[in-house]
Amino acid sequence: RTLVEQLFVEGKILVLVSTSTLAWGVNFPAHLVVVKGTEFYDGKEKRYVDFPITDVLQMMGRAGRPQYDDHGVAVILVHEPKKNFYRKFLYEPFPVESCLQERLHDHFNAEIAGGAMRSKQDAVDWLTWTFFYRRLTHNPSYYHLADASPATVSDFLSELVEATVGDLEAAGCVDVGREDGITLESTPLGRVAAFYYLKYETVALFAAELAPPEGEDPDAVPPDLGTAALL
């Protein structure tokens, strides 16, 4: 492989054929790159599947390195049904979507611990100032919404807040007001998670594993610890 790469760089080999996997390790430029097909056979799926876009970009990126060439040419050979997709991919930027929903619990916990979020209504209002909300109204299908009507979005945000706060309460990170069911207050466990940037599941696991056995006094000091303190 090293010899072939050297000969290609020196111009003694004009055409180099590489597998898609090997293309990730090829670290030299070319004026022309031809991607012969955008599918590969997946043994687990037992069918042909598309290359990830990152793989296609990696192969295309070998054409026309700035420090070696003024310009480069990349040719993608693709099936007719997917031609429009790759044309759109090449000439129009893909939208950037939000991943806030995947980490919403920890963000809520931090805001509640910091005192910025004192009720479920505060949580809904907080969401409306996020990039997640902007993308939710522009591309609702990506977030599994039927449409972007105000009623649909409002119901979705309310359900999302209820589910997230419910998980935090079950984990012992948040207390929900018993009288109104709306007010939110951080617990010591929640403040620990926010201060040390821990996931809410982690502190919940710590609390469960470190809890005293059922029927035992939680304030009792183990004998070995009492002896160590006296020494």
Protein backbone atom coordinates (compact mmCIF):
# COMPACT_ATOMS: atom_id res chain seq x y z
CA ARG A 1 0.00 0.00 0.00
CA THR A 2 2.78 2.45 0.90
CA LEU A 3 4.54 1.79 -2.41
CA VAL A 4 1.34 2.32 -4.42
CA GLU A 5 0.60 5.59 -2.59
CA GLN A 6 4.15 6.82 -3.24
CA LEU A 7 3.96 6.01 -6.95
CA PHE A 8 0.57 7.76 -7.23
CA VAL A 9 1.85 10.90 -5.50
CA GLU A 10 4.91 10.96 -7.79
CA GLY A 11 2.66 10.70 -10.87
CA LYS A 12 3.95 7.31 -11.97
CA ILE A 13 0.48 5.84 -11.42
CA LEU A 14 -2.26 8.01 -12.90
CA VAL A 15 -5.34 6.06 -11.81
CA LEU A 16 -5.84 4.57 -8.36
CA VAL A 17 -8.79 2.31 -7.52
CA SER A 18 -9.73 2.08 -3.84
CA THR A 19 -12.51 0.55 -1.78
CA SER A 20 -14.77 2.87 0.18
CA THR A 21 -13.26 1.68 3.47
CA LEU A 22 -9.70 2.24 2.28
CA ALA A 23 -10.66 5.71 1.05
CA TRP A 24 -10.86 6.84 4.69
CA GLY A 25 -7.17 6.10 5.12
CA VAL A 26 -6.00 7.66 1.87
CA ASN A 27 -4.33 10.93 2.74
CA PHE A 28 -3.17 12.42 -0.55
CA PRO A 29 -4.88 14.57 -3.18
CA ALA A 30 -6.21 13.85 -6.64
CA HIS A 31 -7.49 16.12 -9.38
CA LEU A 32 -10.41 13.85 -10.26
CA VAL A 33 -12.38 11.58 -7.92
CA VAL A 34 -15.02 9.19 -9.25
CA VAL A 35 -17.40 7.65 -6.72
CA LYS A 36 -18.62 4.57 -8.54
CA GLY A 37 -21.90 3.95 -6.78
CA THR A 38 -23.35 5.09 -3.48
CA GLU A 39 -24.49 1.74 -2.10
CA PHE A 40 -22.84 -1.24 -0.46
CA TYR A 41 -24.08 -4.68 0.54
CA ASP A 42 -24.77 -4.95 4.25
CA GLY A 43 -24.39 -8.55 5.39
CA LYS A 44 -26.43 -8.01 8.56
CA GLU A 45 -29.30 -6.37 6.72
CA LYS A 46 -28.89 -8.76 3.76
CA ARG A 47 -29.52 -5.94 1.32
CA TYR A 48 -27.87 -2.96 -0.33
CA VAL A 49 -27.84 0.20 1.77
CA ASP A 50 -26.66 3.74 1.06
CA PHE A 51 -23.28 5.02 2.09
CA PRO A 52 -23.46 7.54 4.93
CA ILE A 53 -23.20 11.10 3.65
CA THR A 54 -19.99 11.51 5.66
CA ASP A 55 -18.39 8.70 3.66
CA VAL A 56 -19.35 10.31 0.36
CA LEU A 57 -17.98 13.66 1.57
CA GLN A 58 -14.75 11.98 2.65
CA MET A 59 -14.22 10.47 -0.81
CA MET A 60 -15.16 13.70 -2.58
CA GLY A 61 -12.79 15.65 -0.35
CA ARG A 62 -9.77 14.04 -2.02
CA ALA A 63 -10.38 16.09 -5.16
CA GLY A 64 -8.51 19.36 -5.49
CA ARG A 65 -6.70 19.93 -2.22
CA PRO A 66 -6.03 23.69 -1.88
CA GLN A 67 -2.31 23.30 -1.24
CA TYR A 68 -1.85 20.99 -4.22
CA ASP A 69 -4.33 22.04 -6.91
CA ASP A 70 -6.30 25.10 -8.03
CA HIS A 71 -9.50 23.11 -8.43
CA GLY A 72 -10.77 19.56 -8.37
CA VAL A 73 -13.53 17.50 -9.92
CA ALA A 74 -15.74 14.96 -8.13
CA VAL A 75 -18.09 12.71 -10.10
CA ILE A 76 -20.77 10.65 -8.36
CA LEU A 77 -22.31 7.76 -10.28
CA VAL A 78 -25.73 7.16 -8.76
CA HIS A 79 -29.03 5.49 -9.60
CA GLU A 80 -31.58 7.67 -11.35
CA PRO A 81 -34.08 7.77 -8.42
CA LYS A 82 -31.41 9.22 -6.13
CA LYS A 83 -30.02 11.75 -8.55
CA ASN A 84 -32.17 14.59 -7.26
CA PHE A 85 -31.21 13.82 -3.68
CA TYR A 86 -27.48 14.08 -4.40
CA ARG A 87 -27.98 17.13 -6.58
CA LYS A 88 -29.79 18.80 -3.70
CA PHE A 89 -27.10 17.58 -1.31
CA LEU A 90 -24.30 19.06 -3.42
CA TYR A 91 -25.83 22.42 -4.24
CA GLU A 92 -28.09 23.16 -1.26
CA PRO A 93 -27.14 23.02 2.42
CA PHE A 94 -28.92 20.53 4.63
CA PRO A 95 -30.87 22.07 7.53
CA VAL A 96 -29.35 21.80 10.98
CA GLU A 97 -31.73 20.21 13.45
CA SER A 98 -31.78 20.37 17.23
CA CYS A 99 -30.71 17.58 19.58
CA LEU A 100 -31.94 19.37 22.71
CA GLN A 101 -34.69 16.83 23.27
CA GLU A 102 -32.10 14.10 23.85
CA ARG A 103 -30.53 16.04 26.78
CA LEU A 104 -33.54 17.98 27.97
CA HIS A 105 -33.67 16.40 31.43
CA ASP A 106 -30.24 17.65 32.43
CA HIS A 107 -30.90 21.15 31.06
CA PHE A 108 -34.15 21.34 32.99
CA ASN A 109 -32.44 20.13 36.14
CA ALA A 110 -29.73 22.79 35.84
CA GLU A 111 -32.27 25.58 35.26
CA ILE A 112 -34.40 24.45 38.22
CA ALA A 113 -31.34 24.16 40.49
CA GLY A 114 -30.23 27.65 39.44
CA GLY A 115 -33.64 29.13 40.22
CA ALA A 116 -34.40 30.24 36.65
CA MET A 117 -37.19 27.68 36.24
CA ARG A 118 -39.72 27.69 39.10
CA SER A 119 -42.79 26.19 37.47
CA LYS A 120 -43.90 24.05 34.57
CA GLN A 121 -45.04 27.20 32.77
CA ASP A 122 -41.50 28.56 33.12
CA ALA A 123 -40.28 25.36 31.47
CA VAL A 124 -42.62 25.82 28.51
CA ASP A 125 -41.59 29.48 28.19
CA TRP A 126 -37.93 28.45 28.36
CA LEU A 127 -38.41 26.02 25.49
CA THR A 128 -39.89 28.74 23.26
CA TRP A 129 -36.57 30.62 23.37
CA THR A 130 -34.52 27.66 22.12
CA PHE A 131 -33.30 26.62 18.68
CA PHE A 132 -35.28 23.43 19.23
CA TYR A 133 -38.51 25.44 19.18
CA ARG A 134 -37.49 27.26 15.99
CA ARG A 135 -36.85 24.02 14.17
CA LEU A 136 -39.97 22.46 15.65
CA THR A 137 -42.15 25.04 13.93
CA HIS A 138 -40.21 24.92 10.65
CA ASN A 139 -39.77 21.16 10.30
CA PRO A 140 -42.40 19.47 12.49
CA SER A 141 -42.23 16.07 10.78
CA TYR A 142 -38.59 15.66 11.88
CA TYR A 143 -39.81 15.80 15.50
CA HIS A 144 -42.79 13.50 14.81
CA LEU A 145 -45.42 16.22 14.75
CA ALA A 146 -48.35 16.09 12.35
CA ASP A 147 -48.23 19.82 11.67
CA ALA A 148 -46.89 23.11 13.01
CA SER A 149 -50.19 24.62 14.10
CA PRO A 150 -50.08 26.54 17.41
CA ALA A 151 -52.39 24.02 19.10
CA THR A 152 -50.28 21.02 18.04
CA VAL A 153 -47.01 22.67 19.10
CA SER A 154 -48.48 23.83 22.41
CA ASP A 155 -49.77 20.34 23.25
CA PHE A 156 -46.44 18.81 22.28
CA LEU A 157 -44.46 21.20 24.51
CA SER A 158 -46.83 20.64 27.45
CA GLU A 159 -46.53 16.86 27.14
CA LEU A 160 -42.76 17.13 26.79
CA VAL A 161 -42.48 19.23 29.95
CA GLU A 162 -44.77 16.88 31.89
CA ALA A 163 -42.78 13.81 30.85
CA THR A 164 -39.40 15.42 31.54
CA VAL A 165 -40.37 16.80 34.94
CA GLY A 166 -41.94 13.46 35.82
CA ASP A 167 -38.67 11.67 35.10
CA LEU A 168 -36.71 14.19 37.18
CA GLU A 169 -39.15 13.80 40.06
CA ALA A 170 -38.91 10.00 39.91
CA ALA A 171 -35.11 10.30 39.96
CA GLY A 172 -35.27 12.44 43.11
CA CYS A 173 -33.85 15.55 41.46
CA VAL A 174 -36.97 17.74 41.53
CA ASP A 175 -39.93 18.22 43.84
CA VAL A 176 -43.26 19.19 42.27
CA GLY A 177 -45.66 21.24 44.37
CA ARG A 178 -48.26 18.97 45.97
CA GLU A 179 -50.94 21.64 46.18
CA ASP A 180 -50.86 22.99 42.64
CA GLY A 181 -48.78 20.37 40.79
CA ILE A 182 -47.03 23.18 38.91
CA THR A 183 -44.28 24.68 41.06
CA LEU A 184 -40.81 23.16 40.80
CA GLU A 185 -38.10 23.01 43.44
CA SER A 186 -34.68 21.44 43.25
CA THR A 187 -33.64 18.75 45.72
CA PRO A 188 -30.14 18.24 47.15
CA LEU A 189 -29.69 15.41 44.67
CA GLY A 190 -30.67 17.67 41.79
CA ARG A 191 -28.29 20.40 42.94
CA VAL A 192 -25.45 17.89 43.15
CA ALA A 193 -26.16 16.75 39.59
CA ALA A 194 -26.23 20.34 38.31
CA PHE A 195 -23.10 21.41 40.20
CA TYR A 196 -20.98 18.45 39.06
CA TYR A 197 -22.51 18.20 35.55
CA LEU A 198 -23.84 14.70 36.21
CA LYS A 199 -26.69 13.10 34.32
CA TYR A 200 -29.87 12.79 36.31
CA GLU A 201 -29.83 8.99 35.83
CA THR A 202 -26.36 8.86 37.40
CA VAL A 203 -27.31 10.60 40.64
CA ALA A 204 -30.49 8.53 40.80
CA LEU A 205 -28.37 5.38 40.56
CA PHE A 206 -26.02 6.66 43.27
CA ALA A 207 -28.95 7.40 45.55
CA ALA A 208 -30.46 3.95 44.99
CA GLU A 209 -27.17 2.10 45.55
CA LEU A 210 -26.12 4.13 48.61
CA ALA A 211 -29.51 4.01 50.33
CA PRO A 212 -29.54 2.06 53.62
CA PRO A 213 -31.26 -1.33 53.63
CA GLU A 214 -34.97 -1.32 54.32
CA GLY A 215 -35.71 -1.09 58.03
CA GLU A 216 -32.32 0.33 58.97
CA ASP A 217 -31.92 3.78 60.54
CA PRO A 218 -30.59 6.10 57.78
CA ASP A 219 -28.87 8.32 60.40
CA ALA A 220 -27.01 5.47 62.05
CA VAL A 221 -23.21 5.55 61.67
CA PRO A 222 -21.62 2.21 60.70
CA PRO A 223 -19.44 0.85 63.53
CA ASP A 224 -16.23 0.90 61.51
CA LEU A 225 -16.76 4.56 60.58
CA GLY A 226 -17.45 5.49 64.21
CA THR A 227 -14.22 3.82 65.32
CA ALA A 228 -12.25 5.58 62.60
CA ALA A 229 -13.67 8.93 63.69
CA LEU A 230 -12.60 8.34 67.29
CA LEU A 231 -9.08 7.42 66.22
